Amino acid sequence: MDYTIIGNAVNLAARLQSRAEVACILMTNETYSLVKKLAHTEEEETIVVKGIPEPARTYRVSNLYYDLTERGRVIRHDSDGLSVLIDRDKLSSADRAGAIAAREAAVAQLES
């Protein structure tokens, strides 16, 4: 038996695969929305695929948050009703002060 698949999803996947570097995962916005709490990504160029009416936003997986947490680059906590993700490398001094202020505001709201 010969099996084959066709359609827009297959066409888009083939285009992403052809654009991805070796050992790289490239995904569209739809997949990104499903894994954004697990994978640290960087937005790449938008691509136009023949047969698909809208340009596709693409993202490259640069690391998994679990690995970054283990290395101390990311502070991450997830539980029911609470999700915290802080990327230390992306925060400037001003951004750190803003993050601390946001944390304090959230604590004040929880205590009231």
PDB file of N, CA and C in Angstrom:
ATOM      1  N   MET A   1       0.834  -1.183   0.000  1.00  0.00           N
ATOM      2  CA  MET A   1       0.000   0.000   0.000  1.00  0.00           C
ATOM      3  C   MET A   1       0.876   1.244   0.000  1.00  0.00           C
ATOM      4  N   ASP A   2       0.375   2.254  -0.617  1.00  0.00           N
ATOM      5  CA  ASP A   2       1.057   3.536  -0.677  1.00  0.00           C
ATOM      6  C   ASP A   2       0.206   4.562   0.056  1.00  0.00           C
ATOM      7  N   TYR A   3       0.770   5.257   1.018  1.00  0.00           N
ATOM      8  CA  TYR A   3       0.035   6.285   1.747  1.00  0.00           C
ATOM      9  C   TYR A   3       0.606   7.650   1.394  1.00  0.00           C
ATOM     10  N   THR A   4      -0.278   8.627   1.306  1.00  0.00           N
ATOM     11  CA  THR A   4       0.157   9.984   1.033  1.00  0.00           C
ATOM     12  C   THR A   4      -0.813  10.954   1.698  1.00  0.00           C
ATOM     13  N   ILE A   5      -0.327  12.123   1.994  1.00  0.00           N
ATOM     14  CA  ILE A   5      -1.193  13.166   2.523  1.00  0.00           C
ATOM     15  C   ILE A   5      -1.014  14.409   1.661  1.00  0.00           C
ATOM     16  N   ILE A   6      -2.079  15.177   1.559  1.00  0.00           N
ATOM     17  CA  ILE A   6      -2.048  16.390   0.751  1.00  0.00           C
ATOM     18  C   ILE A   6      -2.811  17.480   1.478  1.00  0.00           C
ATOM     19  N   GLY A   7      -2.646  18.695   1.032  1.00  0.00           N
ATOM     20  CA  GLY A   7      -3.418  19.801   1.583  1.00  0.00           C
ATOM     21  C   GLY A   7      -2.540  20.960   2.012  1.00  0.00           C
ATOM     22  N   ASN A   8      -3.205  22.026   2.474  1.00  0.00           N
ATOM     23  CA  ASN A   8      -2.496  23.242   2.868  1.00  0.00           C
ATOM     24  C   ASN A   8      -1.549  23.017   4.034  1.00  0.00           C
ATOM     25  N   ALA A   9      -1.968  22.229   5.033  1.00  0.00           N
ATOM     26  CA  ALA A   9      -1.118  21.996   6.200  1.00  0.00           C
ATOM     27  C   ALA A   9       0.177  21.297   5.795  1.00  0.00           C
ATOM     28  N   VAL A  10       0.062  20.329   4.896  1.00  0.00           N
ATOM     29  CA  VAL A  10       1.241  19.597   4.428  1.00  0.00           C
ATOM     30  C   VAL A  10       2.144  20.526   3.620  1.00  0.00           C
ATOM     31  N   ASN A  11       1.545  21.343   2.778  1.00  0.00           N
ATOM     32  CA  ASN A  11       2.292  22.296   1.970  1.00  0.00           C
ATOM     33  C   ASN A  11       3.056  23.277   2.867  1.00  0.00           C
ATOM     34  N   LEU A  12       2.369  23.802   3.879  1.00  0.00           N
ATOM     35  CA  LEU A  12       3.003  24.738   4.803  1.00  0.00           C
ATOM     36  C   LEU A  12       4.121  24.066   5.589  1.00  0.00           C
ATOM     37  N   ALA A  13       3.886  22.843   6.060  1.00  0.00           N
ATOM     38  CA  ALA A  13       4.917  22.114   6.803  1.00  0.00           C
ATOM     39  C   ALA A  13       6.158  21.887   5.940  1.00  0.00           C
ATOM     40  N   ALA A  14       5.961  21.572   4.687  1.00  0.00           N
ATOM     41  CA  ALA A  14       7.095  21.362   3.776  1.00  0.00           C
ATOM     42  C   ALA A  14       7.881  22.658   3.584  1.00  0.00           C
ATOM     43  N   ARG A  15       7.184  23.780   3.471  1.00  0.00           N
ATOM     44  CA  ARG A  15       7.859  25.073   3.316  1.00  0.00           C
ATOM     45  C   ARG A  15       8.658  25.430   4.571  1.00  0.00           C
ATOM     46  N   LEU A  16       8.064  25.179   5.733  1.00  0.00           N
ATOM     47  CA  LEU A  16       8.784  25.453   6.992  1.00  0.00           C
ATOM     48  C   LEU A  16      10.026  24.585   7.094  1.00  0.00           C
ATOM     49  N   GLN A  17       9.883  23.321   6.746  1.00  0.00           N
ATOM     50  CA  GLN A  17      11.028  22.410   6.810  1.00  0.00           C
ATOM     51  C   GLN A  17      12.146  22.863   5.874  1.00  0.00           C
ATOM     52  N   SER A  18      11.779  23.334   4.692  1.00  0.00           N
ATOM     53  CA  SER A  18      12.805  23.759   3.731  1.00  0.00           C
ATOM     54  C   SER A  18      13.510  25.038   4.177  1.00  0.00           C
ATOM     55  N   ARG A  19      12.849  25.859   5.004  1.00  0.00           N
ATOM     56  CA  ARG A  19      13.443  27.113   5.485  1.00  0.00           C
ATOM     57  C   ARG A  19      14.221  26.947   6.786  1.00  0.00           C
ATOM     58  N   ALA A  20      13.940  25.883   7.523  1.00  0.00           N
ATOM     59  CA  ALA A  20      14.591  25.682   8.821  1.00  0.00           C
ATOM     60  C   ALA A  20      16.041  25.264   8.646  1.00  0.00           C
ATOM     61  N   GLU A  21      16.875  25.764   9.542  1.00  0.00           N
ATOM     62  CA  GLU A  21      18.277  25.358   9.556  1.00  0.00           C
ATOM     63  C   GLU A  21      18.377  23.943  10.118  1.00  0.00           C
ATOM     64  N   VAL A  22      19.536  23.328   9.974  1.00  0.00           N
ATOM     65  CA  VAL A  22      19.761  21.993  10.517  1.00  0.00           C
ATOM     66  C   VAL A  22      19.568  22.032  12.037  1.00  0.00           C
ATOM     67  N   ALA A  23      18.877  21.055  12.579  1.00  0.00           N
ATOM     68  CA  ALA A  23      18.603  20.911  14.014  1.00  0.00           C
ATOM     69  C   ALA A  23      17.797  22.088  14.567  1.00  0.00           C
ATOM     70  N   CYS A  24      16.957  22.665  13.737  1.00  0.00           N
ATOM     71  CA  CYS A  24      16.128  23.812  14.132  1.00  0.00           C
ATOM     72  C   CYS A  24      14.659  23.439  13.982  1.00  0.00           C
ATOM     73  N   ILE A  25      13.847  23.946  14.892  1.00  0.00           N
ATOM     74  CA  ILE A  25      12.402  23.763  14.791  1.00  0.00           C
ATOM     75  C   ILE A  25      11.800  25.106  14.426  1.00  0.00           C
ATOM     76  N   LEU A  26      11.090  25.127  13.324  1.00  0.00           N
ATOM     77  CA  LEU A  26      10.415  26.326  12.846  1.00  0.00           C
ATOM     78  C   LEU A  26       8.924  26.022  12.840  1.00  0.00           C
ATOM     79  N   MET A  27       8.112  26.925  13.404  1.00  0.00           N
ATOM     80  CA  MET A  27       6.685  26.669  13.516  1.00  0.00           C
ATOM     81  C   MET A  27       5.883  27.914  13.165  1.00  0.00           C
ATOM     82  N   THR A  28       4.611  27.701  12.896  1.00  0.00           N
ATOM     83  CA  THR A  28       3.714  28.819  12.615  1.00  0.00           C
ATOM     84  C   THR A  28       3.094  29.329  13.911  1.00  0.00           C
ATOM     85  N   ASN A  29       2.370  30.417  13.793  1.00  0.00           N
ATOM     86  CA  ASN A  29       1.728  31.040  14.942  1.00  0.00           C
ATOM     87  C   ASN A  29       0.756  30.084  15.653  1.00  0.00           C
ATOM     88  N   GLU A  30       0.071  29.256  14.893  1.00  0.00           N
ATOM     89  CA  GLU A  30      -0.891  28.327  15.485  1.00  0.00           C
ATOM     90  C   GLU A  30      -0.186  27.347  16.428  1.00  0.00           C
ATOM     91  N   THR A  31       0.925  26.782  15.999  1.00  0.00           N
ATOM     92  CA  THR A  31       1.672  25.854  16.851  1.00  0.00           C
ATOM     93  C   THR A  31       2.311  26.607  18.007  1.00  0.00           C
ATOM     94  N   TYR A  32       2.837  27.786  17.737  1.00  0.00           N
ATOM     95  CA  TYR A  32       3.436  28.602  18.789  1.00  0.00           C
ATOM     96  C   TYR A  32       2.447  28.841  19.930  1.00  0.00           C
ATOM     97  N   SER A  33       1.191  29.114  19.593  1.00  0.00           N
ATOM     98  CA  SER A  33       0.194  29.386  20.639  1.00  0.00           C
ATOM     99  C   SER A  33      -0.024  28.173  21.538  1.00  0.00           C
ATOM    100  N   LEU A  34       0.265  26.976  21.051  1.00  0.00           N
ATOM    101  CA  LEU A  34       0.112  25.764  21.847  1.00  0.00           C
ATOM    102  C   LEU A  34       1.318  25.459  22.727  1.00  0.00           C
ATOM    103  N   VAL A  35       2.503  25.925  22.332  1.00  0.00           N
ATOM    104  CA  VAL A  35       3.729  25.551  23.063  1.00  0.00           C
ATOM    105  C   VAL A  35       4.452  26.736  23.702  1.00  0.00           C
ATOM    106  N   LYS A  36       3.858  27.925  23.664  1.00  0.00           N
ATOM    107  CA  LYS A  36       4.573  29.115  24.126  1.00  0.00           C
ATOM    108  C   LYS A  36       4.941  29.069  25.604  1.00  0.00           C
ATOM    109  N   LYS A  37       4.259  28.265  26.400  1.00  0.00           N
ATOM    110  CA  LYS A  37       4.616  28.149  27.813  1.00  0.00           C
ATOM    111  C   LYS A  37       5.713  27.111  28.048  1.00  0.00           C
ATOM    112  N   LEU A  38       6.068  26.382  27.015  1.00  0.00           N
ATOM    113  CA  LEU A  38       7.084  25.340  27.137  1.00  0.00           C
ATOM    114  C   LEU A  38       8.393  25.680  26.447  1.00  0.00           C
ATOM    115  N   ALA A  39       8.306  26.448  25.368  1.00  0.00           N
ATOM    116  CA  ALA A  39       9.476  26.690  24.533  1.00  0.00           C
ATOM    117  C   ALA A  39       9.781  28.174  24.403  1.00  0.00           C
ATOM    118  N   HIS A  40      11.047  28.502  24.540  1.00  0.00           N
ATOM    119  CA  HIS A  40      11.522  29.860  24.310  1.00  0.00           C
ATOM    120  C   HIS A  40      11.713  29.996  22.805  1.00  0.00           C
ATOM    121  N   THR A  41      11.023  30.960  22.204  1.00  0.00           N
ATOM    122  CA  THR A  41      11.075  31.104  20.752  1.00  0.00           C
ATOM    123  C   THR A  41      11.485  32.513  20.367  1.00  0.00           C
ATOM    124  N   GLU A  42      11.869  32.642  19.136  1.00  0.00           N
ATOM    125  CA  GLU A  42      12.164  33.953  18.566  1.00  0.00           C
ATOM    126  C   GLU A  42      11.392  34.066  17.259  1.00  0.00           C
ATOM    127  N   GLU A  43      10.724  35.199  17.084  1.00  0.00           N
ATOM    128  CA  GLU A  43       9.939  35.373  15.870  1.00  0.00           C
ATOM    129  C   GLU A  43      10.881  35.518  14.678  1.00  0.00           C
ATOM    130  N   GLU A  44      10.548  34.821  13.628  1.00  0.00           N
ATOM    131  CA  GLU A  44      11.316  34.859  12.384  1.00  0.00           C
ATOM    132  C   GLU A  44      10.502  35.616  11.344  1.00  0.00           C
ATOM    133  N   GLU A  45      10.980  35.614  10.120  1.00  0.00           N
ATOM    134  CA  GLU A  45      10.275  36.332   9.065  1.00  0.00           C
ATOM    135  C   GLU A  45       8.949  35.668   8.725  1.00  0.00           C
ATOM    136  N   THR A  46       7.993  36.469   8.297  1.00  0.00           N
ATOM    137  CA  THR A  46       6.710  35.968   7.832  1.00  0.00           C
ATOM    138  C   THR A  46       6.925  35.393   6.434  1.00  0.00           C
ATOM    139  N   ILE A  47       6.299  34.254   6.164  1.00  0.00           N
ATOM    140  CA  ILE A  47       6.474  33.640   4.848  1.00  0.00           C
ATOM    141  C   ILE A  47       5.145  33.611   4.100  1.00  0.00           C
ATOM    142  N   VAL A  48       5.251  33.644   2.792  1.00  0.00           N
ATOM    143  CA  VAL A  48       4.089  33.545   1.915  1.00  0.00           C
ATOM    144  C   VAL A  48       4.190  32.197   1.218  1.00  0.00           C
ATOM    145  N   VAL A  49       3.128  31.406   1.316  1.00  0.00           N
ATOM    146  CA  VAL A  49       3.118  30.074   0.723  1.00  0.00           C
ATOM    147  C   VAL A  49       2.049  30.023  -0.359  1.00  0.00           C
ATOM    148  N   LYS A  50       2.441  29.588  -1.528  1.00  0.00           N
ATOM    149  CA  LYS A  50       1.517  29.478  -2.651  1.00  0.00           C
ATOM    150  C   LYS A  50       0.343  28.581  -2.248  1.00  0.00           C
ATOM    151  N   GLY A  51      -0.864  29.056  -2.523  1.00  0.00           N
ATOM    152  CA  GLY A  51      -2.054  28.280  -2.218  1.00  0.00           C
ATOM    153  C   GLY A  51      -2.659  28.584  -0.857  1.00  0.00           C
ATOM    154  N   ILE A  52      -1.938  29.351  -0.034  1.00  0.00           N
ATOM    155  CA  ILE A  52      -2.464  29.734   1.273  1.00  0.00           C
ATOM    156  C   ILE A  52      -2.639  31.248   1.253  1.00  0.00           C
ATOM    157  N   PRO A  53      -3.873  31.719   1.489  1.00  0.00           N
ATOM    158  CA  PRO A  53      -4.178  33.137   1.270  1.00  0.00           C
ATOM    159  C   PRO A  53      -3.450  34.110   2.199  1.00  0.00           C
ATOM    160  N   GLU A  54      -3.206  33.731   3.445  1.00  0.00           N
ATOM    161  CA  GLU A  54      -2.588  34.637   4.413  1.00  0.00           C
ATOM    162  C   GLU A  54      -1.110  34.308   4.613  1.00  0.00           C
ATOM    163  N   PRO A  55      -0.257  35.324   4.770  1.00  0.00           N
ATOM    164  CA  PRO A  55       1.142  35.060   5.120  1.00  0.00           C
ATOM    165  C   PRO A  55       1.203  34.374   6.484  1.00  0.00           C
ATOM    166  N   ALA A  56       2.189  33.539   6.681  1.00  0.00           N
ATOM    167  CA  ALA A  56       2.327  32.784   7.932  1.00  0.00           C
ATOM    168  C   ALA A  56       3.441  33.378   8.792  1.00  0.00           C
ATOM    169  N   ARG A  57       3.092  33.755  10.028  1.00  0.00           N
ATOM    170  CA  ARG A  57       4.101  34.196  10.989  1.00  0.00           C
ATOM    171  C   ARG A  57       4.852  32.955  11.444  1.00  0.00           C
ATOM    172  N   THR A  58       6.169  33.066  11.557  1.00  0.00           N
ATOM    173  CA  THR A  58       6.950  31.895  11.947  1.00  0.00           C
ATOM    174  C   THR A  58       7.788  32.187  13.185  1.00  0.00           C
ATOM    175  N   TYR A  59       8.056  31.130  13.935  1.00  0.00           N
ATOM    176  CA  TYR A  59       8.835  31.209  15.165  1.00  0.00           C
ATOM    177  C   TYR A  59       9.856  30.082  15.171  1.00  0.00           C
ATOM    178  N   ARG A  60      11.050  30.384  15.687  1.00  0.00           N
ATOM    179  CA  ARG A  60      12.118  29.389  15.806  1.00  0.00           C
ATOM    180  C   ARG A  60      12.297  29.066  17.282  1.00  0.00           C
ATOM    181  N   VAL A  61      12.291  27.778  17.603  1.00  0.00           N
ATOM    182  CA  VAL A  61      12.513  27.359  18.981  1.00  0.00           C
ATOM    183  C   VAL A  61      13.999  27.521  19.286  1.00  0.00           C
ATOM    184  N   SER A  62      14.306  28.307  20.315  1.00  0.00           N
ATOM    185  CA  SER A  62      15.711  28.488  20.678  1.00  0.00           C
ATOM    186  C   SER A  62      16.092  27.644  21.886  1.00  0.00           C
ATOM    187  N   ASN A  63      15.113  27.287  22.715  1.00  0.00           N
ATOM    188  CA  ASN A  63      15.397  26.453  23.879  1.00  0.00           C
ATOM    189  C   ASN A  63      14.082  26.086  24.548  1.00  0.00           C
ATOM    190  N   LEU A  64      14.148  25.148  25.467  1.00  0.00           N
ATOM    191  CA  LEU A  64      12.990  24.803  26.282  1.00  0.00           C
ATOM    192  C   LEU A  64      13.104  25.513  27.618  1.00  0.00           C
ATOM    193  N   TYR A  65      11.983  26.019  28.134  1.00  0.00           N
ATOM    194  CA  TYR A  65      12.017  26.742  29.404  1.00  0.00           C
ATOM    195  C   TYR A  65      12.545  25.881  30.537  1.00  0.00           C
ATOM    196  N   TYR A  66      12.268  24.582  30.490  1.00  0.00           N
ATOM    197  CA  TYR A  66      12.783  23.693  31.529  1.00  0.00           C
ATOM    198  C   TYR A  66      14.313  23.779  31.592  1.00  0.00           C
ATOM    199  N   ASP A  67      14.967  23.709  30.432  1.00  0.00           N
ATOM    200  CA  ASP A  67      16.431  23.794  30.385  1.00  0.00           C
ATOM    201  C   ASP A  67      16.927  25.158  30.855  1.00  0.00           C
ATOM    202  N   LEU A  68      16.244  26.223  30.446  1.00  0.00           N
ATOM    203  CA  LEU A  68      16.659  27.568  30.843  1.00  0.00           C
ATOM    204  C   LEU A  68      16.471  27.786  32.340  1.00  0.00           C
ATOM    205  N   THR A  69      15.436  27.180  32.920  1.00  0.00           N
ATOM    206  CA  THR A  69      15.212  27.273  34.365  1.00  0.00           C
ATOM    207  C   THR A  69      16.329  26.559  35.108  1.00  0.00           C
ATOM    208  N   GLU A  70      16.701  25.395  34.616  1.00  0.00           N
ATOM    209  CA  GLU A  70      17.787  24.629  35.238  1.00  0.00           C
ATOM    210  C   GLU A  70      19.097  25.418  35.236  1.00  0.00           C
ATOM    211  N   ARG A  71      19.317  26.207  34.212  1.00  0.00           N
ATOM    212  CA  ARG A  71      20.555  27.003  34.095  1.00  0.00           C
ATOM    213  C   ARG A  71      20.455  28.351  34.798  1.00  0.00           C
ATOM    214  N   GLY A  72      19.282  28.690  35.333  1.00  0.00           N
ATOM    215  CA  GLY A  72      19.104  29.947  36.051  1.00  0.00           C
ATOM    216  C   GLY A  72      18.846  31.155  35.173  1.00  0.00           C
ATOM    217  N   ARG A  73      18.637  30.961  33.884  1.00  0.00           N
ATOM    218  CA  ARG A  73      18.370  32.086  32.982  1.00  0.00           C
ATOM    219  C   ARG A  73      16.923  32.527  33.026  1.00  0.00           C
ATOM    220  N   VAL A  74      16.040  31.621  33.448  1.00  0.00           N
ATOM    221  CA  VAL A  74      14.613  31.904  33.475  1.00  0.00           C
ATOM    222  C   VAL A  74      14.064  31.529  34.843  1.00  0.00           C
ATOM    223  N   ILE A  75      13.156  32.367  35.335  1.00  0.00           N
ATOM    224  CA  ILE A  75      12.404  32.050  36.547  1.00  0.00           C
ATOM    225  C   ILE A  75      11.015  31.655  36.075  1.00  0.00           C
ATOM    226  N   ARG A  76      10.589  30.447  36.426  1.00  0.00           N
ATOM    227  CA  ARG A  76       9.306  29.960  35.916  1.00  0.00           C
ATOM    228  C   ARG A  76       8.574  29.205  37.009  1.00  0.00           C
ATOM    229  N   HIS A  77       7.288  29.502  37.123  1.00  0.00           N
ATOM    230  CA  HIS A  77       6.424  28.768  38.045  1.00  0.00           C
ATOM    231  C   HIS A  77       5.037  28.689  37.440  1.00  0.00           C
ATOM    232  N   ASP A  78       4.480  27.482  37.398  1.00  0.00           N
ATOM    233  CA  ASP A  78       3.128  27.271  36.898  1.00  0.00           C
ATOM    234  C   ASP A  78       2.349  26.414  37.884  1.00  0.00           C
ATOM    235  N   SER A  79       1.170  26.866  38.243  1.00  0.00           N
ATOM    236  CA  SER A  79       0.240  26.084  39.046  1.00  0.00           C
ATOM    237  C   SER A  79      -1.161  26.576  38.706  1.00  0.00           C
ATOM    238  N   ASP A  80      -2.176  25.929  39.244  1.00  0.00           N
ATOM    239  CA  ASP A  80      -3.547  26.354  38.961  1.00  0.00           C
ATOM    240  C   ASP A  80      -3.736  27.804  39.376  1.00  0.00           C
ATOM    241  N   GLY A  81      -4.124  28.644  38.440  1.00  0.00           N
ATOM    242  CA  GLY A  81      -4.392  30.046  38.730  1.00  0.00           C
ATOM    243  C   GLY A  81      -3.171  30.937  38.784  1.00  0.00           C
ATOM    244  N   LEU A  82      -1.990  30.387  38.572  1.00  0.00           N
ATOM    245  CA  LEU A  82      -0.775  31.202  38.648  1.00  0.00           C
ATOM    246  C   LEU A  82       0.230  30.754  37.600  1.00  0.00           C
ATOM    247  N   SER A  83       0.732  31.709  36.846  1.00  0.00           N
ATOM    248  CA  SER A  83       1.771  31.430  35.861  1.00  0.00           C
ATOM    249  C   SER A  83       2.772  32.576  35.879  1.00  0.00           C
ATOM    250  N   VAL A  84       4.032  32.266  36.164  1.00  0.00           N
ATOM    251  CA  VAL A  84       5.092  33.273  36.213  1.00  0.00           C
ATOM    252  C   VAL A  84       6.204  32.831  35.277  1.00  0.00           C
ATOM    253  N   LEU A  85       6.634  33.736  34.410  1.00  0.00           N
ATOM    254  CA  LEU A  85       7.747  33.463  33.512  1.00  0.00           C
ATOM    255  C   LEU A  85       8.566  34.738  33.385  1.00  0.00           C
ATOM    256  N   ILE A  86       9.787  34.689  33.850  1.00  0.00           N
ATOM    257  CA  ILE A  86      10.676  35.850  33.779  1.00  0.00           C
ATOM    258  C   ILE A  86      11.954  35.426  33.060  1.00  0.00           C
ATOM    259  N   ASP A  87      12.238  36.087  31.953  1.00  0.00           N
ATOM    260  CA  ASP A  87      13.451  35.826  31.183  1.00  0.00           C
ATOM    261  C   ASP A  87      14.491  36.857  31.600  1.00  0.00           C
ATOM    262  N   ARG A  88      15.421  36.458  32.435  1.00  0.00           N
ATOM    263  CA  ARG A  88      16.422  37.379  32.979  1.00  0.00           C
ATOM    264  C   ARG A  88      17.260  38.046  31.893  1.00  0.00           C
ATOM    265  N   ASP A  89      17.545  37.328  30.827  1.00  0.00           N
ATOM    266  CA  ASP A  89      18.396  37.874  29.762  1.00  0.00           C
ATOM    267  C   ASP A  89      17.731  39.013  29.001  1.00  0.00           C
ATOM    268  N   LYS A  90      16.415  39.034  28.973  1.00  0.00           N
ATOM    269  CA  LYS A  90      15.706  40.056  28.207  1.00  0.00           C
ATOM    270  C   LYS A  90      15.354  41.291  29.020  1.00  0.00           C
ATOM    271  N   LEU A  91      15.511  41.231  30.337  1.00  0.00           N
ATOM    272  CA  LEU A  91      15.136  42.361  31.182  1.00  0.00           C
ATOM    273  C   LEU A  91      16.287  43.349  31.338  1.00  0.00           C
ATOM    274  N   SER A  92      16.023  44.598  30.997  1.00  0.00           N
ATOM    275  CA  SER A  92      16.992  45.661  31.277  1.00  0.00           C
ATOM    276  C   SER A  92      16.809  46.061  32.736  1.00  0.00           C
ATOM    277  N   SER A  93      17.644  46.959  33.231  1.00  0.00           N
ATOM    278  CA  SER A  93      17.507  47.432  34.614  1.00  0.00           C
ATOM    279  C   SER A  93      16.139  48.066  34.844  1.00  0.00           C
ATOM    280  N   ALA A  94      15.683  48.878  33.892  1.00  0.00           N
ATOM    281  CA  ALA A  94      14.373  49.516  34.015  1.00  0.00           C
ATOM    282  C   ALA A  94      13.266  48.466  33.975  1.00  0.00           C
ATOM    283  N   ASP A  95      13.421  47.467  33.115  1.00  0.00           N
ATOM    284  CA  ASP A  95      12.423  46.409  33.022  1.00  0.00           C
ATOM    285  C   ASP A  95      12.368  45.592  34.315  1.00  0.00           C
ATOM    286  N   ARG A  96      13.522  45.381  34.946  1.00  0.00           N
ATOM    287  CA  ARG A  96      13.545  44.642  36.219  1.00  0.00           C
ATOM    288  C   ARG A  96      12.767  45.402  37.282  1.00  0.00           C
ATOM    289  N   ALA A  97      12.946  46.711  37.320  1.00  0.00           N
ATOM    290  CA  ALA A  97      12.201  47.522  38.281  1.00  0.00           C
ATOM    291  C   ALA A  97      10.700  47.430  37.996  1.00  0.00           C
ATOM    292  N   GLY A  98      10.334  47.436  36.734  1.00  0.00           N
ATOM    293  CA  GLY A  98       8.934  47.291  36.356  1.00  0.00           C
ATOM    294  C   GLY A  98       8.380  45.923  36.734  1.00  0.00           C
ATOM    295  N   ALA A  99       9.190  44.886  36.582  1.00  0.00           N
ATOM    296  CA  ALA A  99       8.769  43.533  36.953  1.00  0.00           C
ATOM    297  C   ALA A  99       8.544  43.436  38.459  1.00  0.00           C
ATOM    298  N   ILE A 100       9.432  44.054  39.219  1.00  0.00           N
ATOM    299  CA  ILE A 100       9.279  44.055  40.675  1.00  0.00           C
ATOM    300  C   ILE A 100       8.021  44.820  41.076  1.00  0.00           C
ATOM    301  N   ALA A 101       7.775  45.957  40.434  1.00  0.00           N
ATOM    302  CA  ALA A 101       6.570  46.747  40.722  1.00  0.00           C
ATOM    303  C   ALA A 101       5.312  45.951  40.360  1.00  0.00           C
ATOM    304  N   ALA A 102       5.338  45.234  39.253  1.00  0.00           N
ATOM    305  CA  ALA A 102       4.187  44.416  38.848  1.00  0.00           C
ATOM    306  C   ALA A 102       3.949  43.301  39.857  1.00  0.00           C
ATOM    307  N   ARG A 103       5.020  42.692  40.333  1.00  0.00           N
ATOM    308  CA  ARG A 103       4.894  41.648  41.350  1.00  0.00           C
ATOM    309  C   ARG A 103       4.261  42.208  42.618  1.00  0.00           C
ATOM    310  N   GLU A 104       4.730  43.374  43.044  1.00  0.00           N
ATOM    311  CA  GLU A 104       4.214  43.985  44.273  1.00  0.00           C
ATOM    312  C   GLU A 104       2.744  44.363  44.115  1.00  0.00           C
ATOM    313  N   ALA A 105       2.362  44.863  42.944  1.00  0.00           N
ATOM    314  CA  ALA A 105       0.957  45.202  42.694  1.00  0.00           C
ATOM    315  C   ALA A 105       0.086  43.952  42.730  1.00  0.00           C
ATOM    316  N   ALA A 106       0.584  42.862  42.166  1.00  0.00           N
ATOM    317  CA  ALA A 106      -0.166  41.603  42.177  1.00  0.00           C
ATOM    318  C   ALA A 106      -0.332  41.080  43.600  1.00  0.00           C
ATOM    319  N   VAL A 107       0.719  41.171  44.401  1.00  0.00           N
ATOM    320  CA  VAL A 107       0.656  40.720  45.796  1.00  0.00           C
ATOM    321  C   VAL A 107      -0.358  41.568  46.566  1.00  0.00           C
ATOM    322  N   ALA A 108      -0.341  42.875  46.336  1.00  0.00           N
ATOM    323  CA  ALA A 108      -1.292  43.757  47.017  1.00  0.00           C
ATOM    324  C   ALA A 108      -2.724  43.398  46.663  1.00  0.00           C
ATOM    325  N   GLN A 109      -2.982  43.074  45.402  1.00  0.00           N
ATOM    326  CA  GLN A 109      -4.327  42.683  44.983  1.00  0.00           C
ATOM    327  C   GLN A 109      -4.732  41.355  45.601  1.00  0.00           C
ATOM    328  N   LEU A 110      -3.785  40.417  45.727  1.00  0.00           N
ATOM    329  CA  LEU A 110      -4.091  39.128  46.347  1.00  0.00           C
ATOM    330  C   LEU A 110      -4.415  39.278  47.825  1.00  0.00           C
ATOM    331  N   GLU A 111      -3.745  40.212  48.488  1.00  0.00           N
ATOM    332  CA  GLU A 111      -3.931  40.389  49.917  1.00  0.00           C
ATOM    333  C   GLU A 111      -5.207  41.153  50.253  1.00  0.00           C
ATOM    334  N   SER A 112      -5.779  41.855  49.292  1.00  0.00           N
ATOM    335  CA  SER A 112      -6.986  42.650  49.591  1.00  0.00           C
ATOM    336  C   SER A 112      -8.252  41.824  49.475  1.00  0.00           C
TER     337      SER A 112
END
